[in-house]
Structures are given as C-alpha cells and as structure tokens.
Amino acid sequence: MTTGQIAREIHLAFWKVHILHHAEERPIYGQWLLEELRRHGFHVSPGTLYPLLARMSADGWLRAASRSKAPASPKARREFVLTARGARALTELRQQVDELHREVVREAKTKR
C-alpha cells in the first residue's frame, strides 16, 4: 500500500465518524456533506461519498429518511438519519477517538 492509499483508508474512517456525528444532529444529505467535509479540508468526490453513505446504510448505521409517500426521482435529494445502531456505534467511536487523541496528540505534545 502506498502512503496515499493508507491516508485514504484512514480518511474514510474519519469521514464515517464525522457523518455519524452530523446525522445525530439532523438529517443529512450528500451535497451538504461534500461541502462540510471540504470546509474541513477534505476534498471528497461524489463517487467516494455516495457509496460510503450506501455502505453505512447497509451496515445499519444510517437509514434514508422518508419524506413522502410519492416515489422519488433518481435525482431527488436523499436524506439520511442516524439509526439506533448508528448511535451506539457513534458513542463507542467517540470514546475511542478521545482515547486516541489523548495518546497521539496530547501525550505527544508533552514529550516534546
């Protein structure tokens, strides 16, 4: 694996946590997420984000929010909401991210 491939795998994990975090706050959708991730310096393509959202839905972390009974067009905005399984995953991930930050960032600063 190249350095770029390793970074991509790590970024995918970061993006998943970020997506779960925002889905906890409100329904989310792809275009907004693309802009939000760019705001944080991540240049994610739709070809990366939309399959990621589909995998997170397949894993039971997100579900498509039903907006109406009428069938949506393929181009219609699809909103996602956090599921109970996603909320449990987010709680566990927050603890792990906090522990990792404490060790990798805070302790590293004290050693310098």
C-alpha atoms as a PDB file:
ATOM      1  CA  MET A   1       0.000   0.000   0.000  1.00  0.00           C
ATOM      2  CA  THR A   2       1.227   3.461  -0.828  1.00  0.00           C
ATOM      3  CA  THR A   3       1.137   6.361   1.586  1.00  0.00           C
ATOM      4  CA  GLY A   4      -1.808   7.807  -0.371  1.00  0.00           C
ATOM      5  CA  GLN A   5      -3.763   4.552  -0.061  1.00  0.00           C
ATOM      6  CA  ILE A   6      -3.099   4.397   3.675  1.00  0.00           C
ATOM      7  CA  ALA A   7      -4.191   8.023   4.115  1.00  0.00           C
ATOM      8  CA  ARG A   8      -7.356   7.323   2.118  1.00  0.00           C
ATOM      9  CA  GLU A   9      -8.296   4.388   4.357  1.00  0.00           C
ATOM     10  CA  ILE A  10      -7.747   6.474   7.474  1.00  0.00           C
ATOM     11  CA  HIS A  11      -9.700   9.393   6.000  1.00  0.00           C
ATOM     12  CA  LEU A  12     -12.601   7.092   5.176  1.00  0.00           C
ATOM     13  CA  ALA A  13     -12.773   6.163   8.858  1.00  0.00           C
ATOM     14  CA  PHE A  14     -12.635   9.853   9.883  1.00  0.00           C
ATOM     15  CA  TRP A  15     -15.384  10.709   7.404  1.00  0.00           C
ATOM     16  CA  LYS A  16     -17.614   7.954   8.784  1.00  0.00           C
ATOM     17  CA  VAL A  17     -17.306   9.343  12.312  1.00  0.00           C
ATOM     18  CA  HIS A  18     -17.960  12.853  11.001  1.00  0.00           C
ATOM     19  CA  ILE A  19     -21.044  11.673   9.087  1.00  0.00           C
ATOM     20  CA  LEU A  20     -22.439   9.856  12.130  1.00  0.00           C
ATOM     21  CA  HIS A  21     -21.833  12.946  14.267  1.00  0.00           C
ATOM     22  CA  HIS A  22     -23.835  15.190  11.942  1.00  0.00           C
ATOM     23  CA  ALA A  23     -26.559  12.591  11.392  1.00  0.00           C
ATOM     24  CA  GLU A  24     -27.068  12.634  15.152  1.00  0.00           C
ATOM     25  CA  GLU A  25     -27.799  16.369  14.945  1.00  0.00           C
ATOM     26  CA  ARG A  26     -30.168  16.408  11.946  1.00  0.00           C
ATOM     27  CA  PRO A  27     -30.982  14.605   8.704  1.00  0.00           C
ATOM     28  CA  ILE A  28     -28.026  14.830   6.325  1.00  0.00           C
ATOM     29  CA  TYR A  29     -27.640  14.606   2.557  1.00  0.00           C
ATOM     30  CA  GLY A  30     -24.772  14.147   0.143  1.00  0.00           C
ATOM     31  CA  GLN A  31     -24.235  17.643  -1.245  1.00  0.00           C
ATOM     32  CA  TRP A  32     -24.245  19.170   2.243  1.00  0.00           C
ATOM     33  CA  LEU A  33     -21.752  16.542   3.425  1.00  0.00           C
ATOM     34  CA  LEU A  34     -19.459  17.229   0.468  1.00  0.00           C
ATOM     35  CA  GLU A  35     -19.427  20.918   1.431  1.00  0.00           C
ATOM     36  CA  GLU A  36     -18.974  20.161   5.136  1.00  0.00           C
ATOM     37  CA  LEU A  37     -16.033  17.842   4.511  1.00  0.00           C
ATOM     38  CA  ARG A  38     -14.454  20.420   2.170  1.00  0.00           C
ATOM     39  CA  ARG A  39     -14.822  23.006   4.938  1.00  0.00           C
ATOM     40  CA  HIS A  40     -12.544  20.751   6.980  1.00  0.00           C
ATOM     41  CA  GLY A  41     -10.005  20.414   4.166  1.00  0.00           C
ATOM     42  CA  PHE A  42     -11.155  17.062   2.753  1.00  0.00           C
ATOM     43  CA  HIS A  43     -11.801  17.041  -0.978  1.00  0.00           C
ATOM     44  CA  VAL A  44     -14.186  14.127  -1.319  1.00  0.00           C
ATOM     45  CA  SER A  45     -15.763  13.289  -4.652  1.00  0.00           C
ATOM     46  CA  PRO A  46     -19.395  12.257  -5.031  1.00  0.00           C
ATOM     47  CA  GLY A  47     -18.062   8.951  -6.357  1.00  0.00           C
ATOM     48  CA  THR A  48     -16.486   8.343  -2.952  1.00  0.00           C
ATOM     49  CA  LEU A  49     -19.159   9.827  -0.698  1.00  0.00           C
ATOM     50  CA  TYR A  50     -22.308   8.255  -2.107  1.00  0.00           C
ATOM     51  CA  PRO A  51     -21.014   4.656  -1.972  1.00  0.00           C
ATOM     52  CA  LEU A  52     -19.814   5.401   1.581  1.00  0.00           C
ATOM     53  CA  LEU A  53     -23.324   6.525   2.564  1.00  0.00           C
ATOM     54  CA  ALA A  54     -24.743   3.395   0.923  1.00  0.00           C
ATOM     55  CA  ARG A  55     -22.340   1.184   2.933  1.00  0.00           C
ATOM     56  CA  MET A  56     -23.211   2.983   6.154  1.00  0.00           C
ATOM     57  CA  SER A  57     -26.891   2.387   5.392  1.00  0.00           C
ATOM     58  CA  ALA A  58     -26.247  -1.270   4.570  1.00  0.00           C
ATOM     59  CA  ASP A  59     -24.394  -1.583   7.893  1.00  0.00           C
ATOM     60  CA  GLY A  60     -27.475  -0.226   9.655  1.00  0.00           C
ATOM     61  CA  TRP A  61     -25.861   2.995  10.896  1.00  0.00           C
ATOM     62  CA  LEU A  62     -27.984   5.297   8.727  1.00  0.00           C
ATOM     63  CA  ARG A  63     -31.344   4.977   7.052  1.00  0.00           C
ATOM     64  CA  ALA A  64     -32.924   7.002   4.313  1.00  0.00           C
ATOM     65  CA  ALA A  65     -35.446   9.405   5.778  1.00  0.00           C
ATOM     66  CA  SER A  66     -38.879   9.039   4.230  1.00  0.00           C
ATOM     67  CA  ARG A  67     -40.004  12.443   3.005  1.00  0.00           C
ATOM     68  CA  SER A  68     -43.281  11.472   1.372  1.00  0.00           C
ATOM     69  CA  LYS A  69     -45.230   8.539   0.014  1.00  0.00           C
ATOM     70  CA  ALA A  70     -44.615   9.617  -3.585  1.00  0.00           C
ATOM     71  CA  PRO A  71     -41.773   7.795  -5.354  1.00  0.00           C
ATOM     72  CA  ALA A  72     -38.678   9.946  -5.536  1.00  0.00           C
ATOM     73  CA  SER A  73     -36.919  10.583  -8.797  1.00  0.00           C
ATOM     74  CA  PRO A  74     -33.406   9.138  -9.094  1.00  0.00           C
ATOM     75  CA  LYS A  75     -32.009  12.683  -8.875  1.00  0.00           C
ATOM     76  CA  ALA A  76     -34.030  13.634  -5.785  1.00  0.00           C
ATOM     77  CA  ARG A  77     -32.094  14.556  -2.666  1.00  0.00           C
ATOM     78  CA  ARG A  78     -31.943  11.607  -0.290  1.00  0.00           C
ATOM     79  CA  GLU A  79     -31.695  12.480   3.373  1.00  0.00           C
ATOM     80  CA  PHE A  80     -30.245  10.095   5.910  1.00  0.00           C
ATOM     81  CA  VAL A  81     -30.905   9.855   9.632  1.00  0.00           C
ATOM     82  CA  LEU A  82     -28.975   8.110  12.360  1.00  0.00           C
ATOM     83  CA  THR A  83     -30.327   4.740  13.471  1.00  0.00           C
ATOM     84  CA  ALA A  84     -30.165   3.329  16.997  1.00  0.00           C
ATOM     85  CA  ARG A  85     -27.322   1.084  15.813  1.00  0.00           C
ATOM     86  CA  GLY A  86     -25.522   4.127  14.400  1.00  0.00           C
ATOM     87  CA  ALA A  87     -25.998   5.994  17.689  1.00  0.00           C
ATOM     88  CA  ARG A  88     -24.432   3.094  19.619  1.00  0.00           C
ATOM     89  CA  ALA A  89     -21.535   2.997  17.149  1.00  0.00           C
ATOM     90  CA  LEU A  90     -21.048   6.760  17.487  1.00  0.00           C
ATOM     91  CA  THR A  91     -20.964   6.552  21.293  1.00  0.00           C
ATOM     92  CA  GLU A  92     -18.268   3.880  21.130  1.00  0.00           C
ATOM     93  CA  LEU A  93     -16.327   5.720  18.416  1.00  0.00           C
ATOM     94  CA  ARG A  94     -16.345   8.952  20.413  1.00  0.00           C
ATOM     95  CA  GLN A  95     -14.727   7.154  23.338  1.00  0.00           C
ATOM     96  CA  GLN A  96     -12.127   5.601  21.047  1.00  0.00           C
ATOM     97  CA  VAL A  97     -11.400   8.898  19.273  1.00  0.00           C
ATOM     98  CA  ASP A  98     -10.988  10.616  22.638  1.00  0.00           C
ATOM     99  CA  GLU A  99      -8.546   7.940  23.818  1.00  0.00           C
ATOM    100  CA  LEU A 100      -6.626   8.077  20.544  1.00  0.00           C
ATOM    101  CA  HIS A 101      -6.464  11.887  20.646  1.00  0.00           C
ATOM    102  CA  ARG A 102      -5.237  11.796  24.227  1.00  0.00           C
ATOM    103  CA  GLU A 103      -2.422   9.410  23.361  1.00  0.00           C
ATOM    104  CA  VAL A 104      -1.439  10.583  19.892  1.00  0.00           C
ATOM    105  CA  VAL A 105      -1.858  14.336  20.275  1.00  0.00           C
ATOM    106  CA  ARG A 106      -1.830  15.422  23.913  1.00  0.00           C
ATOM    107  CA  GLU A 107       0.820  13.000  25.177  1.00  0.00           C
ATOM    108  CA  ALA A 108       2.991  13.646  22.129  1.00  0.00           C
ATOM    109  CA  LYS A 109       2.954  17.379  22.931  1.00  0.00           C
ATOM    110  CA  THR A 110       4.132  16.752  26.496  1.00  0.00           C
ATOM    111  CA  LYS A 111       7.056  14.613  25.256  1.00  0.00           C
ATOM    112  CA  ARG A 112       8.446  17.360  23.037  1.00  0.00           C
END
